[in-house]
Amino acid sequence: MIDKPLFISAITALTEQHDKDAERANVLSEIYGADIDPVDNNLLRLAVFNLLASMMGEIRSDHVMFWCYDQDFGRGAGKSIEDLWEELGYL
């Protein structure tokens, strides 16, 4: 099992990278007048989720992916990374 500080650090990094990539894409889209997504970090994200799955199990890793991408890193559900950590304890 992954410890809490490492988990929070990993999810924080994923969140911050996602936000930076989205901001960069928005700025470039405004400049060029078309949707531009210059960065594709999907391979890196998949590697992180595979590592989490190996440390936490697939069900918990799937829940983290749901929290990140379906709930917009918890923002859509008003949940923090701490909330996510607590939820994982019940799975």
PDB file of N, CA and C in Angstrom:
ATOM      1  N   MET A   1       0.852  -1.192   0.000  1.00  0.00           N
ATOM      2  CA  MET A   1       0.000   0.000   0.000  1.00  0.00           C
ATOM      3  C   MET A   1       0.888   1.242   0.000  1.00  0.00           C
ATOM      4  N   ILE A   2       0.460   2.243  -0.686  1.00  0.00           N
ATOM      5  CA  ILE A   2       1.172   3.516  -0.756  1.00  0.00           C
ATOM      6  C   ILE A   2       0.889   4.313   0.523  1.00  0.00           C
ATOM      7  N   ASP A   3       1.888   5.044   1.003  1.00  0.00           N
ATOM      8  CA  ASP A   3       1.629   5.846   2.199  1.00  0.00           C
ATOM      9  C   ASP A   3       0.984   7.175   1.805  1.00  0.00           C
ATOM     10  N   LYS A   4       0.332   7.794   2.771  1.00  0.00           N
ATOM     11  CA  LYS A   4      -0.465   8.990   2.517  1.00  0.00           C
ATOM     12  C   LYS A   4       0.353  10.149   1.932  1.00  0.00           C
ATOM     13  N   PRO A   5       1.520  10.504   2.491  1.00  0.00           N
ATOM     14  CA  PRO A   5       2.269  11.634   1.908  1.00  0.00           C
ATOM     15  C   PRO A   5       2.666  11.415   0.444  1.00  0.00           C
ATOM     16  N   LEU A   6       3.084  10.198   0.095  1.00  0.00           N
ATOM     17  CA  LEU A   6       3.464   9.918  -1.286  1.00  0.00           C
ATOM     18  C   LEU A   6       2.238   9.977  -2.197  1.00  0.00           C
ATOM     19  N   PHE A   7       1.122   9.439  -1.734  1.00  0.00           N
ATOM     20  CA  PHE A   7      -0.114   9.478  -2.508  1.00  0.00           C
ATOM     21  C   PHE A   7      -0.531  10.923  -2.768  1.00  0.00           C
ATOM     22  N   ILE A   8      -0.555  11.735  -1.728  1.00  0.00           N
ATOM     23  CA  ILE A   8      -0.968  13.133  -1.873  1.00  0.00           C
ATOM     24  C   ILE A   8      -0.017  13.872  -2.809  1.00  0.00           C
ATOM     25  N   SER A   9       1.259  13.603  -2.703  1.00  0.00           N
ATOM     26  CA  SER A   9       2.237  14.226  -3.584  1.00  0.00           C
ATOM     27  C   SER A   9       1.990  13.840  -5.041  1.00  0.00           C
ATOM     28  N   ALA A  10       1.735  12.571  -5.310  1.00  0.00           N
ATOM     29  CA  ALA A  10       1.504  12.100  -6.679  1.00  0.00           C
ATOM     30  C   ALA A  10       0.236  12.699  -7.263  1.00  0.00           C
ATOM     31  N   ILE A  11      -0.841  12.720  -6.497  1.00  0.00           N
ATOM     32  CA  ILE A  11      -2.110  13.246  -7.005  1.00  0.00           C
ATOM     33  C   ILE A  11      -2.034  14.767  -7.163  1.00  0.00           C
ATOM     34  N   THR A  12      -1.333  15.424  -6.270  1.00  0.00           N
ATOM     35  CA  THR A  12      -1.135  16.871  -6.403  1.00  0.00           C
ATOM     36  C   THR A  12      -0.374  17.184  -7.682  1.00  0.00           C
ATOM     37  N   ALA A  13       0.672  16.415  -7.959  1.00  0.00           N
ATOM     38  CA  ALA A  13       1.453  16.623  -9.186  1.00  0.00           C
ATOM     39  C   ALA A  13       0.600  16.386 -10.428  1.00  0.00           C
ATOM     40  N   LEU A  14      -0.224  15.330 -10.431  1.00  0.00           N
ATOM     41  CA  LEU A  14      -1.119  15.076 -11.561  1.00  0.00           C
ATOM     42  C   LEU A  14      -2.098  16.233 -11.758  1.00  0.00           C
ATOM     43  N   THR A  15      -2.641  16.731 -10.672  1.00  0.00           N
ATOM     44  CA  THR A  15      -3.591  17.839 -10.739  1.00  0.00           C
ATOM     45  C   THR A  15      -2.935  19.089 -11.301  1.00  0.00           C
ATOM     46  N   GLU A  16      -1.769  19.434 -10.762  1.00  0.00           N
ATOM     47  CA  GLU A  16      -1.075  20.636 -11.211  1.00  0.00           C
ATOM     48  C   GLU A  16      -0.650  20.534 -12.670  1.00  0.00           C
ATOM     49  N   GLN A  17      -0.174  19.361 -13.099  1.00  0.00           N
ATOM     50  CA  GLN A  17       0.226  19.188 -14.493  1.00  0.00           C
ATOM     51  C   GLN A  17      -0.975  19.300 -15.411  1.00  0.00           C
ATOM     52  N   HIS A  18      -2.075  18.680 -15.013  1.00  0.00           N
ATOM     53  CA  HIS A  18      -3.305  18.768 -15.798  1.00  0.00           C
ATOM     54  C   HIS A  18      -3.733  20.226 -15.963  1.00  0.00           C
ATOM     55  N   ASP A  19      -3.709  20.979 -14.883  1.00  0.00           N
ATOM     56  CA  ASP A  19      -4.130  22.381 -14.936  1.00  0.00           C
ATOM     57  C   ASP A  19      -3.192  23.221 -15.804  1.00  0.00           C
ATOM     58  N   LYS A  20      -1.894  22.984 -15.701  1.00  0.00           N
ATOM     59  CA  LYS A  20      -0.937  23.706 -16.548  1.00  0.00           C
ATOM     60  C   LYS A  20      -1.144  23.379 -18.016  1.00  0.00           C
ATOM     61  N   ASP A  21      -1.357  22.108 -18.322  1.00  0.00           N
ATOM     62  CA  ASP A  21      -1.585  21.700 -19.711  1.00  0.00           C
ATOM     63  C   ASP A  21      -2.864  22.335 -20.253  1.00  0.00           C
ATOM     64  N   ALA A  22      -3.910  22.366 -19.446  1.00  0.00           N
ATOM     65  CA  ALA A  22      -5.181  22.957 -19.886  1.00  0.00           C
ATOM     66  C   ALA A  22      -5.024  24.454 -20.119  1.00  0.00           C
ATOM     67  N   GLU A  23      -4.321  25.138 -19.234  1.00  0.00           N
ATOM     68  CA  GLU A  23      -4.107  26.572 -19.394  1.00  0.00           C
ATOM     69  C   GLU A  23      -3.291  26.855 -20.655  1.00  0.00           C
ATOM     70  N   ARG A  24      -2.249  26.092 -20.882  1.00  0.00           N
ATOM     71  CA  ARG A  24      -1.430  26.254 -22.077  1.00  0.00           C
ATOM     72  C   ARG A  24      -2.280  26.043 -23.328  1.00  0.00           C
ATOM     73  N   ALA A  25      -3.106  25.026 -23.335  1.00  0.00           N
ATOM     74  CA  ALA A  25      -3.969  24.750 -24.483  1.00  0.00           C
ATOM     75  C   ALA A  25      -4.953  25.895 -24.709  1.00  0.00           C
ATOM     76  N   ASN A  26      -5.506  26.453 -23.637  1.00  0.00           N
ATOM     77  CA  ASN A  26      -6.439  27.568 -23.773  1.00  0.00           C
ATOM     78  C   ASN A  26      -5.767  28.793 -24.370  1.00  0.00           C
ATOM     79  N   VAL A  27      -4.570  29.113 -23.889  1.00  0.00           N
ATOM     80  CA  VAL A  27      -3.847  30.280 -24.402  1.00  0.00           C
ATOM     81  C   VAL A  27      -3.521  30.094 -25.882  1.00  0.00           C
ATOM     82  N   LEU A  28      -3.011  28.929 -26.244  1.00  0.00           N
ATOM     83  CA  LEU A  28      -2.675  28.681 -27.647  1.00  0.00           C
ATOM     84  C   LEU A  28      -3.918  28.662 -28.536  1.00  0.00           C
ATOM     85  N   SER A  29      -5.013  28.163 -28.020  1.00  0.00           N
ATOM     86  CA  SER A  29      -6.253  28.163 -28.790  1.00  0.00           C
ATOM     87  C   SER A  29      -6.725  29.584 -29.065  1.00  0.00           C
ATOM     88  N   GLU A  30      -6.575  30.468 -28.072  1.00  0.00           N
ATOM     89  CA  GLU A  30      -6.938  31.872 -28.272  1.00  0.00           C
ATOM     90  C   GLU A  30      -6.033  32.528 -29.315  1.00  0.00           C
ATOM     91  N   ILE A  31      -4.759  32.238 -29.249  1.00  0.00           N
ATOM     92  CA  ILE A  31      -3.806  32.834 -30.195  1.00  0.00           C
ATOM     93  C   ILE A  31      -4.096  32.391 -31.619  1.00  0.00           C
ATOM     94  N   TYR A  32      -4.319  31.092 -31.807  1.00  0.00           N
ATOM     95  CA  TYR A  32      -4.472  30.542 -33.151  1.00  0.00           C
ATOM     96  C   TYR A  32      -5.924  30.455 -33.626  1.00  0.00           C
ATOM     97  N   GLY A  33      -6.860  30.729 -32.727  1.00  0.00           N
ATOM     98  CA  GLY A  33      -8.265  30.710 -33.124  1.00  0.00           C
ATOM     99  C   GLY A  33      -8.811  29.329 -33.415  1.00  0.00           C
ATOM    100  N   ALA A  34      -8.173  28.309 -32.912  1.00  0.00           N
ATOM    101  CA  ALA A  34      -8.623  26.920 -33.085  1.00  0.00           C
ATOM    102  C   ALA A  34      -8.185  26.123 -31.861  1.00  0.00           C
ATOM    103  N   ASP A  35      -8.851  25.011 -31.633  1.00  0.00           N
ATOM    104  CA  ASP A  35      -8.471  24.171 -30.494  1.00  0.00           C
ATOM    105  C   ASP A  35      -7.078  23.605 -30.711  1.00  0.00           C
ATOM    106  N   ILE A  36      -6.198  23.918 -29.783  1.00  0.00           N
ATOM    107  CA  ILE A  36      -4.816  23.450 -29.830  1.00  0.00           C
ATOM    108  C   ILE A  36      -4.524  22.741 -28.512  1.00  0.00           C
ATOM    109  N   ASP A  37      -4.037  21.527 -28.599  1.00  0.00           N
ATOM    110  CA  ASP A  37      -3.628  20.778 -27.411  1.00  0.00           C
ATOM    111  C   ASP A  37      -2.204  20.283 -27.658  1.00  0.00           C
ATOM    112  N   PRO A  38      -1.216  21.123 -27.312  1.00  0.00           N
ATOM    113  CA  PRO A  38       0.164  20.825 -27.697  1.00  0.00           C
ATOM    114  C   PRO A  38       0.850  19.751 -26.861  1.00  0.00           C
ATOM    115  N   VAL A  39       0.238  19.366 -25.759  1.00  0.00           N
ATOM    116  CA  VAL A  39       0.900  18.438 -24.851  1.00  0.00           C
ATOM    117  C   VAL A  39       0.048  17.185 -24.698  1.00  0.00           C
ATOM    118  N   ASP A  40       0.695  16.044 -24.795  1.00  0.00           N
ATOM    119  CA  ASP A  40       0.009  14.776 -24.579  1.00  0.00           C
ATOM    120  C   ASP A  40       0.794  13.998 -23.526  1.00  0.00           C
ATOM    121  N   ASN A  41       0.303  14.061 -22.302  1.00  0.00           N
ATOM    122  CA  ASN A  41       0.951  13.371 -21.191  1.00  0.00           C
ATOM    123  C   ASN A  41       0.257  12.057 -20.850  1.00  0.00           C
ATOM    124  N   ASN A  42      -0.532  11.535 -21.787  1.00  0.00           N
ATOM    125  CA  ASN A  42      -1.299  10.329 -21.485  1.00  0.00           C
ATOM    126  C   ASN A  42      -0.426   9.132 -21.130  1.00  0.00           C
ATOM    127  N   LEU A  43       0.714   8.986 -21.778  1.00  0.00           N
ATOM    128  CA  LEU A  43       1.601   7.860 -21.447  1.00  0.00           C
ATOM    129  C   LEU A  43       2.120   7.978 -20.014  1.00  0.00           C
ATOM    130  N   LEU A  44       2.497   9.165 -19.629  1.00  0.00           N
ATOM    131  CA  LEU A  44       2.985   9.383 -18.263  1.00  0.00           C
ATOM    132  C   LEU A  44       1.868   9.167 -17.241  1.00  0.00           C
ATOM    133  N   ARG A  45       0.674   9.704 -17.526  1.00  0.00           N
ATOM    134  CA  ARG A  45      -0.455   9.507 -16.609  1.00  0.00           C
ATOM    135  C   ARG A  45      -0.798   8.032 -16.471  1.00  0.00           C
ATOM    136  N   LEU A  46      -0.805   7.316 -17.587  1.00  0.00           N
ATOM    137  CA  LEU A  46      -1.096   5.888 -17.544  1.00  0.00           C
ATOM    138  C   LEU A  46      -0.057   5.156 -16.699  1.00  0.00           C
ATOM    139  N   ALA A  47       1.201   5.531 -16.828  1.00  0.00           N
ATOM    140  CA  ALA A  47       2.259   4.911 -16.024  1.00  0.00           C
ATOM    141  C   ALA A  47       2.024   5.165 -14.535  1.00  0.00           C
ATOM    142  N   VAL A  48       1.629   6.376 -14.187  1.00  0.00           N
ATOM    143  CA  VAL A  48       1.361   6.701 -12.775  1.00  0.00           C
ATOM    144  C   VAL A  48       0.186   5.865 -12.265  1.00  0.00           C
ATOM    145  N   PHE A  49      -0.876   5.768 -13.060  1.00  0.00           N
ATOM    146  CA  PHE A  49      -2.027   4.974 -12.621  1.00  0.00           C
ATOM    147  C   PHE A  49      -1.696   3.494 -12.543  1.00  0.00           C
ATOM    148  N   ASN A  50      -0.835   2.998 -13.423  1.00  0.00           N
ATOM    149  CA  ASN A  50      -0.394   1.601 -13.324  1.00  0.00           C
ATOM    150  C   ASN A  50       0.412   1.365 -12.055  1.00  0.00           C
ATOM    151  N   LEU A  51       1.259   2.328 -11.703  1.00  0.00           N
ATOM    152  CA  LEU A  51       2.000   2.217 -10.443  1.00  0.00           C
ATOM    153  C   LEU A  51       1.051   2.232  -9.255  1.00  0.00           C
ATOM    154  N   LEU A  52       0.076   3.132  -9.282  1.00  0.00           N
ATOM    155  CA  LEU A  52      -0.903   3.170  -8.193  1.00  0.00           C
ATOM    156  C   LEU A  52      -1.660   1.849  -8.105  1.00  0.00           C
ATOM    157  N   ALA A  53      -2.056   1.306  -9.254  1.00  0.00           N
ATOM    158  CA  ALA A  53      -2.784   0.039  -9.248  1.00  0.00           C
ATOM    159  C   ALA A  53      -1.937  -1.069  -8.639  1.00  0.00           C
ATOM    160  N   SER A  54      -0.629  -1.062  -8.933  1.00  0.00           N
ATOM    161  CA  SER A  54       0.234  -2.101  -8.373  1.00  0.00           C
ATOM    162  C   SER A  54       0.412  -1.930  -6.870  1.00  0.00           C
ATOM    163  N   MET A  55       0.286  -0.713  -6.385  1.00  0.00           N
ATOM    164  CA  MET A  55       0.470  -0.440  -4.959  1.00  0.00           C
ATOM    165  C   MET A  55      -0.837  -0.485  -4.176  1.00  0.00           C
ATOM    166  N   MET A  56      -1.955  -0.155  -4.840  1.00  0.00           N
ATOM    167  CA  MET A  56      -3.227  -0.005  -4.127  1.00  0.00           C
ATOM    168  C   MET A  56      -4.275  -1.011  -4.556  1.00  0.00           C
ATOM    169  N   GLY A  57      -4.076  -1.631  -5.681  1.00  0.00           N
ATOM    170  CA  GLY A  57      -5.088  -2.507  -6.244  1.00  0.00           C
ATOM    171  C   GLY A  57      -5.871  -1.776  -7.322  1.00  0.00           C
ATOM    172  N   GLU A  58      -6.416  -2.547  -8.239  1.00  0.00           N
ATOM    173  CA  GLU A  58      -7.067  -1.973  -9.403  1.00  0.00           C
ATOM    174  C   GLU A  58      -8.337  -1.201  -9.046  1.00  0.00           C
ATOM    175  N   ILE A  59      -9.114  -1.687  -8.084  1.00  0.00           N
ATOM    176  CA  ILE A  59     -10.362  -0.997  -7.716  1.00  0.00           C
ATOM    177  C   ILE A  59     -10.060   0.401  -7.191  1.00  0.00           C
ATOM    178  N   ARG A  60      -9.077   0.523  -6.319  1.00  0.00           N
ATOM    179  CA  ARG A  60      -8.718   1.839  -5.788  1.00  0.00           C
ATOM    180  C   ARG A  60      -8.139   2.736  -6.890  1.00  0.00           C
ATOM    181  N   SER A  61      -7.305   2.168  -7.743  1.00  0.00           N
ATOM    182  CA  SER A  61      -6.735   2.940  -8.839  1.00  0.00           C
ATOM    183  C   SER A  61      -7.830   3.447  -9.775  1.00  0.00           C
ATOM    184  N   ASP A  62      -8.813   2.601 -10.072  1.00  0.00           N
ATOM    185  CA  ASP A  62      -9.939   3.029 -10.905  1.00  0.00           C
ATOM    186  C   ASP A  62     -10.707   4.161 -10.237  1.00  0.00           C
ATOM    187  N   HIS A  63     -10.856   4.103  -8.920  1.00  0.00           N
ATOM    188  CA  HIS A  63     -11.551   5.171  -8.189  1.00  0.00           C
ATOM    189  C   HIS A  63     -10.756   6.474  -8.279  1.00  0.00           C
ATOM    190  N   VAL A  64      -9.445   6.394  -8.200  1.00  0.00           N
ATOM    191  CA  VAL A  64      -8.603   7.581  -8.334  1.00  0.00           C
ATOM    192  C   VAL A  64      -8.767   8.177  -9.733  1.00  0.00           C
ATOM    193  N   MET A  65      -8.775   7.337 -10.747  1.00  0.00           N
ATOM    194  CA  MET A  65      -8.966   7.826 -12.118  1.00  0.00           C
ATOM    195  C   MET A  65     -10.324   8.509 -12.260  1.00  0.00           C
ATOM    196  N   PHE A  66     -11.352   7.923 -11.663  1.00  0.00           N
ATOM    197  CA  PHE A  66     -12.685   8.532 -11.691  1.00  0.00           C
ATOM    198  C   PHE A  66     -12.650   9.896 -11.026  1.00  0.00           C
ATOM    199  N   TRP A  67     -12.016   9.982  -9.868  1.00  0.00           N
ATOM    200  CA  TRP A  67     -11.907  11.245  -9.128  1.00  0.00           C
ATOM    201  C   TRP A  67     -11.171  12.284  -9.957  1.00  0.00           C
ATOM    202  N   CYS A  68     -10.112  11.867 -10.622  1.00  0.00           N
ATOM    203  CA  CYS A  68      -9.317  12.798 -11.423  1.00  0.00           C
ATOM    204  C   CYS A  68     -10.062  13.272 -12.661  1.00  0.00           C
ATOM    205  N   TYR A  69     -10.589  12.360 -13.426  1.00  0.00           N
ATOM    206  CA  TYR A  69     -11.080  12.719 -14.750  1.00  0.00           C
ATOM    207  C   TYR A  69     -12.582  12.901 -14.839  1.00  0.00           C
ATOM    208  N   ASP A  70     -13.360  12.139 -14.112  1.00  0.00           N
ATOM    209  CA  ASP A  70     -14.813  12.321 -14.158  1.00  0.00           C
ATOM    210  C   ASP A  70     -15.276  13.395 -13.180  1.00  0.00           C
ATOM    211  N   GLN A  71     -14.511  13.595 -12.112  1.00  0.00           N
ATOM    212  CA  GLN A  71     -14.864  14.621 -11.132  1.00  0.00           C
ATOM    213  C   GLN A  71     -13.913  15.813 -11.190  1.00  0.00           C
ATOM    214  N   ASP A  72     -13.159  15.931 -12.266  1.00  0.00           N
ATOM    215  CA  ASP A  72     -12.245  17.062 -12.470  1.00  0.00           C
ATOM    216  C   ASP A  72     -11.359  17.277 -11.235  1.00  0.00           C
ATOM    217  N   PHE A  73     -10.648  16.234 -10.877  1.00  0.00           N
ATOM    218  CA  PHE A  73      -9.726  16.253  -9.735  1.00  0.00           C
ATOM    219  C   PHE A  73     -10.453  16.659  -8.449  1.00  0.00           C
ATOM    220  N   GLY A  74     -11.650  16.103  -8.308  1.00  0.00           N
ATOM    221  CA  GLY A  74     -12.453  16.329  -7.110  1.00  0.00           C
ATOM    222  C   GLY A  74     -13.250  17.611  -7.114  1.00  0.00           C
ATOM    223  N   ARG A  75     -12.905  18.533  -7.990  1.00  0.00           N
ATOM    224  CA  ARG A  75     -13.564  19.845  -7.990  1.00  0.00           C
ATOM    225  C   ARG A  75     -15.045  19.744  -8.314  1.00  0.00           C
ATOM    226  N   GLY A  76     -15.408  18.838  -9.213  1.00  0.00           N
ATOM    227  CA  GLY A  76     -16.810  18.689  -9.592  1.00  0.00           C
ATOM    228  C   GLY A  76     -17.668  18.141  -8.468  1.00  0.00           C
ATOM    229  N   ALA A  77     -17.043  17.487  -7.516  1.00  0.00           N
ATOM    230  CA  ALA A  77     -17.767  16.908  -6.383  1.00  0.00           C
ATOM    231  C   ALA A  77     -17.452  17.640  -5.077  1.00  0.00           C
ATOM    232  N   GLY A  78     -16.642  18.696  -5.170  1.00  0.00           N
ATOM    233  CA  GLY A  78     -16.274  19.435  -3.960  1.00  0.00           C
ATOM    234  C   GLY A  78     -15.426  18.611  -3.001  1.00  0.00           C
ATOM    235  N   LYS A  79     -14.575  17.744  -3.550  1.00  0.00           N
ATOM    236  CA  LYS A  79     -13.766  16.855  -2.718  1.00  0.00           C
ATOM    237  C   LYS A  79     -12.290  17.180  -2.865  1.00  0.00           C
ATOM    238  N   SER A  80     -11.587  17.087  -1.756  1.00  0.00           N
ATOM    239  CA  SER A  80     -10.145  17.330  -1.737  1.00  0.00           C
ATOM    240  C   SER A  80      -9.392  16.012  -1.900  1.00  0.00           C
ATOM    241  N   ILE A  81      -8.084  16.122  -2.038  1.00  0.00           N
ATOM    242  CA  ILE A  81      -7.250  14.918  -2.093  1.00  0.00           C
ATOM    243  C   ILE A  81      -7.352  14.158  -0.773  1.00  0.00           C
ATOM    244  N   GLU A  82      -7.462  14.890   0.322  1.00  0.00           N
ATOM    245  CA  GLU A  82      -7.646  14.244   1.637  1.00  0.00           C
ATOM    246  C   GLU A  82      -8.943  13.429   1.652  1.00  0.00           C
ATOM    247  N   ASP A  83     -10.011  13.984   1.061  1.00  0.00           N
ATOM    248  CA  ASP A  83     -11.278  13.247   0.973  1.00  0.00           C
ATOM    249  C   ASP A  83     -11.097  11.970   0.160  1.00  0.00           C
ATOM    250  N   LEU A  84     -10.373  12.092  -0.948  1.00  0.00           N
ATOM    251  CA  LEU A  84     -10.115  10.924  -1.787  1.00  0.00           C
ATOM    252  C   LEU A  84      -9.376   9.859  -0.993  1.00  0.00           C
ATOM    253  N   TRP A  85      -8.353  10.258  -0.252  1.00  0.00           N
ATOM    254  CA  TRP A  85      -7.584   9.308   0.556  1.00  0.00           C
ATOM    255  C   TRP A  85      -8.509   8.572   1.531  1.00  0.00           C
ATOM    256  N   GLU A  86      -9.402   9.319   2.170  1.00  0.00           N
ATOM    257  CA  GLU A  86     -10.344   8.699   3.125  1.00  0.00           C
ATOM    258  C   GLU A  86     -11.280   7.729   2.402  1.00  0.00           C
ATOM    259  N   GLU A  87     -11.779   8.110   1.240  1.00  0.00           N
ATOM    260  CA  GLU A  87     -12.665   7.227   0.464  1.00  0.00           C
ATOM    261  C   GLU A  87     -11.965   5.912   0.124  1.00  0.00           C
ATOM    262  N   LEU A  88     -10.699   6.000  -0.213  1.00  0.00           N
ATOM    263  CA  LEU A  88      -9.953   4.792  -0.602  1.00  0.00           C
ATOM    264  C   LEU A  88      -9.827   3.806   0.541  1.00  0.00           C
ATOM    265  N   GLY A  89      -9.884   4.309   1.760  1.00  0.00           N
ATOM    266  CA  GLY A  89      -9.818   3.426   2.921  1.00  0.00           C
ATOM    267  C   GLY A  89     -11.035   2.535   3.060  1.00  0.00           C
ATOM    268  N   TYR A  90     -12.137   2.927   2.406  1.00  0.00           N
ATOM    269  CA  TYR A  90     -13.383   2.154   2.501  1.00  0.00           C
ATOM    270  C   TYR A  90     -13.561   1.183   1.347  1.00  0.00           C
ATOM    271  N   LEU A  91     -12.659   1.232   0.376  1.00  0.00           N
ATOM    272  CA  LEU A  91     -12.783   0.324  -0.790  1.00  0.00           C
ATOM    273  C   LEU A  91     -12.014  -0.956  -0.559  1.00  0.00           C
TER     274      LEU A  91
END
